[in-house]
Structure formats: C-alpha cells, structure tokens
Amino acid sequence: TEAGSKKGLAVYVVRAPAEVPGIATLGPDPLDEGF
C-alpha cells in the first residue's frame, strides 16, 4: 500500500536490490556503522 500523499508506487521483480534504479542511487544509510 502507498501511504504517502503523492500516491506513487513502483514494483520491481529483481534478483538484487541494487537492480532497482531508486535503490541503486541511494546515499549511505545513516544507521550504518560506517556513517
């Protein structure tokens, strides 16, 4: 379910999360030890 106000949703069937364009371009996770 899309809970946001813009009501935009995309679904990808991939072998690895990095194959999803929006995930591949994410910056670092601020809760990762390296941050």
PDB file of all heavy atoms in Angstrom:
ATOM      1  N   THR A   1       0.834  -1.194   0.000  1.00  0.00           N
ATOM      2  CA  THR A   1       0.000   0.000   0.000  1.00  0.00           C
ATOM      3  C   THR A   1       0.869   1.244   0.000  1.00  0.00           C
ATOM      4  O   THR A   1       1.857   1.307   0.723  1.00  0.00           O
ATOM      5  CB  THR A   1      -0.893   0.026   1.261  1.00  0.00           C
ATOM      6  OG1 THR A   1      -1.641  -1.182   1.303  1.00  0.00           O
ATOM      7  CG2 THR A   1      -1.828   1.205   1.246  1.00  0.00           C
ATOM      8  N   GLU A   2       0.514   2.227  -0.790  1.00  0.00           N
ATOM      9  CA  GLU A   2       1.200   3.522  -0.793  1.00  0.00           C
ATOM     10  C   GLU A   2       0.500   4.418   0.212  1.00  0.00           C
ATOM     11  O   GLU A   2      -0.675   4.745   0.058  1.00  0.00           O
ATOM     12  CB  GLU A   2       1.156   4.140  -2.194  1.00  0.00           C
ATOM     13  CG  GLU A   2       1.511   5.609  -2.276  1.00  0.00           C
ATOM     14  CD  GLU A   2       2.889   5.958  -1.774  1.00  0.00           C
ATOM     15  OE1 GLU A   2       3.829   5.889  -2.560  1.00  0.00           O
ATOM     16  OE2 GLU A   2       3.025   6.292  -0.578  1.00  0.00           O
ATOM     17  N   ALA A   3       1.231   4.797   1.266  1.00  0.00           N
ATOM     18  CA  ALA A   3       0.632   5.610   2.322  1.00  0.00           C
ATOM     19  C   ALA A   3       0.890   7.104   2.138  1.00  0.00           C
ATOM     20  O   ALA A   3       0.318   7.916   2.836  1.00  0.00           O
ATOM     21  CB  ALA A   3       1.162   5.162   3.682  1.00  0.00           C
ATOM     22  N   GLY A   4       1.748   7.467   1.213  1.00  0.00           N
ATOM     23  CA  GLY A   4       2.091   8.876   1.022  1.00  0.00           C
ATOM     24  C   GLY A   4       1.004   9.647   0.311  1.00  0.00           C
ATOM     25  O   GLY A   4       0.078   9.082  -0.278  1.00  0.00           O
ATOM     26  N   SER A   5       1.117  10.961   0.341  1.00  0.00           N
ATOM     27  CA  SER A   5       0.089  11.812  -0.274  1.00  0.00           C
ATOM     28  C   SER A   5       0.222  11.878  -1.791  1.00  0.00           C
ATOM     29  O   SER A   5      -0.732  12.211  -2.483  1.00  0.00           O
ATOM     30  CB  SER A   5       0.173  13.225   0.315  1.00  0.00           C
ATOM     31  OG  SER A   5       1.466  13.764   0.086  1.00  0.00           O
ATOM     32  N   LYS A   6       1.390  11.560  -2.341  1.00  0.00           N
ATOM     33  CA  LYS A   6       1.570  11.643  -3.798  1.00  0.00           C
ATOM     34  C   LYS A   6       1.045  10.413  -4.528  1.00  0.00           C
ATOM     35  O   LYS A   6       0.892  10.426  -5.732  1.00  0.00           O
ATOM     36  CB  LYS A   6       3.052  11.852  -4.128  1.00  0.00           C
ATOM     37  CG  LYS A   6       3.548  13.210  -3.682  1.00  0.00           C
ATOM     38  CD  LYS A   6       4.961  13.442  -4.132  1.00  0.00           C
ATOM     39  CE  LYS A   6       5.413  14.815  -3.668  1.00  0.00           C
ATOM     40  NZ  LYS A   6       6.782  15.097  -4.067  1.00  0.00           N
ATOM     41  N   LYS A   7       0.790   9.344  -3.801  1.00  0.00           N
ATOM     42  CA  LYS A   7       0.228   8.104  -4.353  1.00  0.00           C
ATOM     43  C   LYS A   7       1.013   7.595  -5.562  1.00  0.00           C
ATOM     44  O   LYS A   7       0.459   7.297  -6.610  1.00  0.00           O
ATOM     45  CB  LYS A   7      -1.252   8.272  -4.718  1.00  0.00           C
ATOM     46  CG  LYS A   7      -2.119   8.696  -3.562  1.00  0.00           C
ATOM     47  CD  LYS A   7      -2.135   7.647  -2.486  1.00  0.00           C
ATOM     48  CE  LYS A   7      -3.018   8.101  -1.329  1.00  0.00           C
ATOM     49  NZ  LYS A   7      -2.703   7.443  -0.100  1.00  0.00           N
ATOM     50  N   GLY A   8       2.322   7.505  -5.408  1.00  0.00           N
ATOM     51  CA  GLY A   8       3.180   6.939  -6.449  1.00  0.00           C
ATOM     52  C   GLY A   8       3.764   5.634  -5.948  1.00  0.00           C
ATOM     53  O   GLY A   8       4.272   5.549  -4.839  1.00  0.00           O
ATOM     54  N   LEU A   9       3.659   4.593  -6.729  1.00  0.00           N
ATOM     55  CA  LEU A   9       4.128   3.285  -6.306  1.00  0.00           C
ATOM     56  C   LEU A   9       4.744   2.583  -7.506  1.00  0.00           C
ATOM     57  O   LEU A   9       4.199   2.625  -8.603  1.00  0.00           O
ATOM     58  CB  LEU A   9       2.950   2.473  -5.754  1.00  0.00           C
ATOM     59  CG  LEU A   9       3.218   1.056  -5.294  1.00  0.00           C
ATOM     60  CD1 LEU A   9       4.124   1.053  -4.066  1.00  0.00           C
ATOM     61  CD2 LEU A   9       1.900   0.377  -4.948  1.00  0.00           C
ATOM     62  N   ALA A  10       5.885   1.943  -7.286  1.00  0.00           N
ATOM     63  CA  ALA A  10       6.522   1.153  -8.335  1.00  0.00           C
ATOM     64  C   ALA A  10       6.895  -0.196  -7.737  1.00  0.00           C
ATOM     65  O   ALA A  10       7.274  -0.281  -6.570  1.00  0.00           O
ATOM     66  CB  ALA A  10       7.768   1.848  -8.863  1.00  0.00           C
ATOM     67  N   VAL A  11       6.765  -1.241  -8.531  1.00  0.00           N
ATOM     68  CA  VAL A  11       7.115  -2.583  -8.083  1.00  0.00           C
ATOM     69  C   VAL A  11       8.093  -3.156  -9.094  1.00  0.00           C
ATOM     70  O   VAL A  11       7.880  -3.072 -10.307  1.00  0.00           O
ATOM     71  CB  VAL A  11       5.851  -3.476  -7.985  1.00  0.00           C
ATOM     72  CG1 VAL A  11       6.221  -4.889  -7.606  1.00  0.00           C
ATOM     73  CG2 VAL A  11       4.857  -2.873  -7.010  1.00  0.00           C
ATOM     74  N   TYR A  12       9.184  -3.725  -8.581  1.00  0.00           N
ATOM     75  CA  TYR A  12      10.206  -4.332  -9.425  1.00  0.00           C
ATOM     76  C   TYR A  12      10.408  -5.777  -8.985  1.00  0.00           C
ATOM     77  O   TYR A  12      10.414  -6.066  -7.793  1.00  0.00           O
ATOM     78  CB  TYR A  12      11.550  -3.607  -9.269  1.00  0.00           C
ATOM     79  CG  TYR A  12      11.543  -2.182  -9.740  1.00  0.00           C
ATOM     80  CD1 TYR A  12      11.098  -1.159  -8.913  1.00  0.00           C
ATOM     81  CD2 TYR A  12      11.996  -1.853 -11.013  1.00  0.00           C
ATOM     82  CE1 TYR A  12      11.089   0.160  -9.340  1.00  0.00           C
ATOM     83  CE2 TYR A  12      11.998  -0.540 -11.445  1.00  0.00           C
ATOM     84  CZ  TYR A  12      11.540   0.464 -10.605  1.00  0.00           C
ATOM     85  OH  TYR A  12      11.536   1.762 -11.029  1.00  0.00           O
ATOM     86  N   VAL A  13      10.588  -6.667  -9.930  1.00  0.00           N
ATOM     87  CA  VAL A  13      10.973  -8.041  -9.643  1.00  0.00           C
ATOM     88  C   VAL A  13      12.418  -8.166 -10.109  1.00  0.00           C
ATOM     89  O   VAL A  13      12.708  -8.095 -11.306  1.00  0.00           O
ATOM     90  CB  VAL A  13      10.059  -9.058 -10.371  1.00  0.00           C
ATOM     91  CG1 VAL A  13      10.517 -10.485 -10.084  1.00  0.00           C
ATOM     92  CG2 VAL A  13       8.607  -8.849  -9.951  1.00  0.00           C
ATOM     93  N   VAL A  14      13.325  -8.298  -9.147  1.00  0.00           N
ATOM     94  CA  VAL A  14      14.763  -8.301  -9.440  1.00  0.00           C
ATOM     95  C   VAL A  14      15.458  -9.392  -8.644  1.00  0.00           C
ATOM     96  O   VAL A  14      14.919  -9.932  -7.682  1.00  0.00           O
ATOM     97  CB  VAL A  14      15.402  -6.930  -9.101  1.00  0.00           C
ATOM     98  CG1 VAL A  14      14.815  -5.823  -9.966  1.00  0.00           C
ATOM     99  CG2 VAL A  14      15.223  -6.591  -7.630  1.00  0.00           C
ATOM    100  N   ARG A  15      16.678  -9.691  -9.029  1.00  0.00           N
ATOM    101  CA  ARG A  15      17.499 -10.667  -8.301  1.00  0.00           C
ATOM    102  C   ARG A  15      18.245 -10.009  -7.135  1.00  0.00           C
ATOM    103  O   ARG A  15      18.566 -10.664  -6.157  1.00  0.00           O
ATOM    104  CB  ARG A  15      18.484 -11.333  -9.240  1.00  0.00           C
ATOM    105  CG  ARG A  15      17.833 -12.166 -10.322  1.00  0.00           C
ATOM    106  CD  ARG A  15      18.842 -13.081 -10.985  1.00  0.00           C
ATOM    107  NE  ARG A  15      18.411 -13.722 -12.199  1.00  0.00           N
ATOM    108  CZ  ARG A  15      17.383 -14.525 -12.354  1.00  0.00           C
ATOM    109  NH1 ARG A  15      16.607 -14.778 -11.344  1.00  0.00           N
ATOM    110  NH2 ARG A  15      17.104 -15.071 -13.504  1.00  0.00           N
ATOM    111  N   ALA A  16      18.535  -8.709  -7.267  1.00  0.00           N
ATOM    112  CA  ALA A  16      19.273  -7.991  -6.226  1.00  0.00           C
ATOM    113  C   ALA A  16      18.678  -6.590  -6.075  1.00  0.00           C
ATOM    114  O   ALA A  16      18.311  -5.965  -7.074  1.00  0.00           O
ATOM    115  CB  ALA A  16      20.749  -7.899  -6.586  1.00  0.00           C
ATOM    116  N   PRO A  17      18.579  -6.084  -4.857  1.00  0.00           N
ATOM    117  CA  PRO A  17      18.003  -4.749  -4.650  1.00  0.00           C
ATOM    118  C   PRO A  17      18.685  -3.653  -5.468  1.00  0.00           C
ATOM    119  O   PRO A  17      18.018  -2.714  -5.908  1.00  0.00           O
ATOM    120  CB  PRO A  17      18.195  -4.503  -3.147  1.00  0.00           C
ATOM    121  CG  PRO A  17      18.252  -5.863  -2.552  1.00  0.00           C
ATOM    122  CD  PRO A  17      18.922  -6.727  -3.598  1.00  0.00           C
ATOM    123  N   ALA A  18      19.976  -3.743  -5.703  1.00  0.00           N
ATOM    124  CA  ALA A  18      20.693  -2.709  -6.453  1.00  0.00           C
ATOM    125  C   ALA A  18      20.235  -2.611  -7.908  1.00  0.00           C
ATOM    126  O   ALA A  18      20.566  -1.645  -8.597  1.00  0.00           O
ATOM    127  CB  ALA A  18      22.194  -2.949  -6.390  1.00  0.00           C
ATOM    128  N   GLU A  19      19.459  -3.580  -8.380  1.00  0.00           N
ATOM    129  CA  GLU A  19      18.918  -3.519  -9.741  1.00  0.00           C
ATOM    130  C   GLU A  19      17.743  -2.547  -9.851  1.00  0.00           C
ATOM    131  O   GLU A  19      17.338  -2.185 -10.951  1.00  0.00           O
ATOM    132  CB  GLU A  19      18.479  -4.916 -10.202  1.00  0.00           C
ATOM    133  CG  GLU A  19      19.622  -5.902 -10.358  1.00  0.00           C
ATOM    134  CD  GLU A  19      19.122  -7.289 -10.731  1.00  0.00           C
ATOM    135  OE1 GLU A  19      18.086  -7.399 -11.431  1.00  0.00           O
ATOM    136  OE2 GLU A  19      19.763  -8.265 -10.313  1.00  0.00           O
ATOM    137  N   VAL A  20      17.195  -2.120  -8.734  1.00  0.00           N
ATOM    138  CA  VAL A  20      16.104  -1.152  -8.719  1.00  0.00           C
ATOM    139  C   VAL A  20      16.731   0.236  -8.803  1.00  0.00           C
ATOM    140  O   VAL A  20      17.552   0.600  -7.957  1.00  0.00           O
ATOM    141  CB  VAL A  20      15.255  -1.273  -7.439  1.00  0.00           C
ATOM    142  CG1 VAL A  20      14.158  -0.216  -7.413  1.00  0.00           C
ATOM    143  CG2 VAL A  20      14.681  -2.676  -7.319  1.00  0.00           C
ATOM    144  N   PRO A  21      16.371   1.036  -9.829  1.00  0.00           N
ATOM    145  CA  PRO A  21      17.024   2.335 -10.013  1.00  0.00           C
ATOM    146  C   PRO A  21      17.029   3.225  -8.777  1.00  0.00           C
ATOM    147  O   PRO A  21      18.049   3.827  -8.444  1.00  0.00           O
ATOM    148  CB  PRO A  21      16.230   2.970 -11.154  1.00  0.00           C
ATOM    149  CG  PRO A  21      15.623   1.818 -11.893  1.00  0.00           C
ATOM    150  CD  PRO A  21      15.374   0.762 -10.870  1.00  0.00           C
ATOM    151  N   GLY A  22      15.925   3.305  -8.078  1.00  0.00           N
ATOM    152  CA  GLY A  22      15.858   4.162  -6.894  1.00  0.00           C
ATOM    153  C   GLY A  22      16.732   3.687  -5.750  1.00  0.00           C
ATOM    154  O   GLY A  22      17.193   4.480  -4.937  1.00  0.00           O
ATOM    155  N   ILE A  23      16.978   2.409  -5.671  1.00  0.00           N
ATOM    156  CA  ILE A  23      17.846   1.868  -4.618  1.00  0.00           C
ATOM    157  C   ILE A  23      19.313   2.011  -5.014  1.00  0.00           C
ATOM    158  O   ILE A  23      20.160   2.327  -4.183  1.00  0.00           O
ATOM    159  CB  ILE A  23      17.480   0.407  -4.301  1.00  0.00           C
ATOM    160  CG1 ILE A  23      16.092   0.374  -3.655  1.00  0.00           C
ATOM    161  CG2 ILE A  23      18.529  -0.242  -3.405  1.00  0.00           C
ATOM    162  CD1 ILE A  23      15.546  -1.003  -3.404  1.00  0.00           C
ATOM    163  N   ALA A  24      19.593   1.805  -6.282  1.00  0.00           N
ATOM    164  CA  ALA A  24      20.975   1.887  -6.760  1.00  0.00           C
ATOM    165  C   ALA A  24      21.585   3.271  -6.543  1.00  0.00           C
ATOM    166  O   ALA A  24      22.799   3.404  -6.390  1.00  0.00           O
ATOM    167  CB  ALA A  24      21.039   1.514  -8.237  1.00  0.00           C
ATOM    168  N   THR A  25      20.749   4.303  -6.499  1.00  0.00           N
ATOM    169  CA  THR A  25      21.262   5.670  -6.357  1.00  0.00           C
ATOM    170  C   THR A  25      21.182   6.213  -4.929  1.00  0.00           C
ATOM    171  O   THR A  25      21.484   7.381  -4.701  1.00  0.00           O
ATOM    172  CB  THR A  25      20.501   6.623  -7.293  1.00  0.00           C
ATOM    173  OG1 THR A  25      19.111   6.602  -6.959  1.00  0.00           O
ATOM    174  CG2 THR A  25      20.689   6.237  -8.756  1.00  0.00           C
ATOM    175  N   LEU A  26      20.770   5.379  -3.965  1.00  0.00           N
ATOM    176  CA  LEU A  26      20.656   5.854  -2.589  1.00  0.00           C
ATOM    177  C   LEU A  26      22.025   6.179  -1.995  1.00  0.00           C
ATOM    178  O   LEU A  26      23.003   5.484  -2.229  1.00  0.00           O
ATOM    179  CB  LEU A  26      19.985   4.801  -1.704  1.00  0.00           C
ATOM    180  CG  LEU A  26      18.493   4.618  -1.861  1.00  0.00           C
ATOM    181  CD1 LEU A  26      18.009   3.450  -0.994  1.00  0.00           C
ATOM    182  CD2 LEU A  26      17.729   5.881  -1.526  1.00  0.00           C
ATOM    183  N   GLY A  27      22.037   7.213  -1.179  1.00  0.00           N
ATOM    184  CA  GLY A  27      23.231   7.553  -0.425  1.00  0.00           C
ATOM    185  C   GLY A  27      23.412   6.575   0.720  1.00  0.00           C
ATOM    186  O   GLY A  27      22.665   5.601   0.854  1.00  0.00           O
ATOM    187  N   PRO A  28      24.372   6.838   1.587  1.00  0.00           N
ATOM    188  CA  PRO A  28      24.644   5.925   2.693  1.00  0.00           C
ATOM    189  C   PRO A  28      23.496   5.870   3.704  1.00  0.00           C
ATOM    190  O   PRO A  28      22.758   6.839   3.878  1.00  0.00           O
ATOM    191  CB  PRO A  28      25.904   6.502   3.342  1.00  0.00           C
ATOM    192  CG  PRO A  28      25.933   7.933   2.928  1.00  0.00           C
ATOM    193  CD  PRO A  28      25.275   7.992   1.583  1.00  0.00           C
ATOM    194  N   ASP A  29      23.383   4.724   4.362  1.00  0.00           N
ATOM    195  CA  ASP A  29      22.401   4.528   5.424  1.00  0.00           C
ATOM    196  C   ASP A  29      22.930   5.203   6.679  1.00  0.00           C
ATOM    197  O   ASP A  29      23.997   4.839   7.180  1.00  0.00           O
ATOM    198  CB  ASP A  29      22.216   3.027   5.661  1.00  0.00           C
ATOM    199  CG  ASP A  29      21.244   2.691   6.776  1.00  0.00           C
ATOM    200  OD1 ASP A  29      20.868   3.586   7.572  1.00  0.00           O
ATOM    201  OD2 ASP A  29      20.859   1.509   6.861  1.00  0.00           O
ATOM    202  N   PRO A  30      22.215   6.183   7.228  1.00  0.00           N
ATOM    203  CA  PRO A  30      22.723   6.902   8.387  1.00  0.00           C
ATOM    204  C   PRO A  30      22.790   6.058   9.665  1.00  0.00           C
ATOM    205  O   PRO A  30      23.401   6.486  10.640  1.00  0.00           O
ATOM    206  CB  PRO A  30      21.753   8.075   8.545  1.00  0.00           C
ATOM    207  CG  PRO A  30      20.529   7.660   7.830  1.00  0.00           C
ATOM    208  CD  PRO A  30      20.944   6.717   6.749  1.00  0.00           C
ATOM    209  N   LEU A  31      22.214   4.859   9.660  1.00  0.00           N
ATOM    210  CA  LEU A  31      22.313   3.991  10.833  1.00  0.00           C
ATOM    211  C   LEU A  31      23.376   2.899  10.650  1.00  0.00           C
ATOM    212  O   LEU A  31      23.562   2.064  11.534  1.00  0.00           O
ATOM    213  CB  LEU A  31      20.951   3.381  11.165  1.00  0.00           C
ATOM    214  CG  LEU A  31      19.891   4.397  11.599  1.00  0.00           C
ATOM    215  CD1 LEU A  31      18.582   3.700  11.937  1.00  0.00           C
ATOM    216  CD2 LEU A  31      20.383   5.224  12.776  1.00  0.00           C
ATOM    217  N   ASP A  32      24.067   2.937   9.534  1.00  0.00           N
ATOM    218  CA  ASP A  32      25.167   2.002   9.297  1.00  0.00           C
ATOM    219  C   ASP A  32      26.383   2.430  10.126  1.00  0.00           C
ATOM    220  O   ASP A  32      26.618   3.623  10.334  1.00  0.00           O
ATOM    221  CB  ASP A  32      25.523   2.004   7.798  1.00  0.00           C
ATOM    222  CG  ASP A  32      26.570   0.976   7.475  1.00  0.00           C
ATOM    223  OD1 ASP A  32      26.210  -0.193   7.295  1.00  0.00           O
ATOM    224  OD2 ASP A  32      27.768   1.358   7.410  1.00  0.00           O
ATOM    225  N   GLU A  33      27.165   1.470  10.600  1.00  0.00           N
ATOM    226  CA  GLU A  33      28.352   1.780  11.403  1.00  0.00           C
ATOM    227  C   GLU A  33      29.334   2.695  10.678  1.00  0.00           C
ATOM    228  O   GLU A  33      30.053   3.463  11.301  1.00  0.00           O
ATOM    229  CB  GLU A  33      29.064   0.491  11.821  1.00  0.00           C
ATOM    230  CG  GLU A  33      28.346  -0.282  12.893  1.00  0.00           C
ATOM    231  CD  GLU A  33      29.104  -1.540  13.293  1.00  0.00           C
ATOM    232  OE1 GLU A  33      30.326  -1.623  13.026  1.00  0.00           O
ATOM    233  OE2 GLU A  33      28.465  -2.425  13.866  1.00  0.00           O
ATOM    234  N   GLY A  34      29.379   2.600   9.357  1.00  0.00           N
ATOM    235  CA  GLY A  34      30.302   3.418   8.577  1.00  0.00           C
ATOM    236  C   GLY A  34      29.887   4.876   8.454  1.00  0.00           C
ATOM    237  O   GLY A  34      30.663   5.713   7.986  1.00  0.00           O
ATOM    238  N   PHE A  35      28.667   5.190   8.867  1.00  0.00           N
ATOM    239  CA  PHE A  35      28.189   6.576   8.810  1.00  0.00           C
ATOM    240  C   PHE A  35      28.638   7.279  10.086  1.00  0.00           C
ATOM    241  O   PHE A  35      27.914   7.363  11.072  1.00  0.00           O
ATOM    242  CB  PHE A  35      26.673   6.634   8.644  1.00  0.00           C
ATOM    243  CG  PHE A  35      26.150   8.031   8.411  1.00  0.00           C
ATOM    244  CD1 PHE A  35      26.233   8.609   7.165  1.00  0.00           C
ATOM    245  CD2 PHE A  35      25.584   8.761   9.448  1.00  0.00           C
ATOM    246  CE1 PHE A  35      25.762   9.897   6.939  1.00  0.00           C
ATOM    247  CE2 PHE A  35      25.106  10.041   9.249  1.00  0.00           C
ATOM    248  CZ  PHE A  35      25.198  10.608   7.990  1.00  0.00           C
TER     249      PHE A  35
END
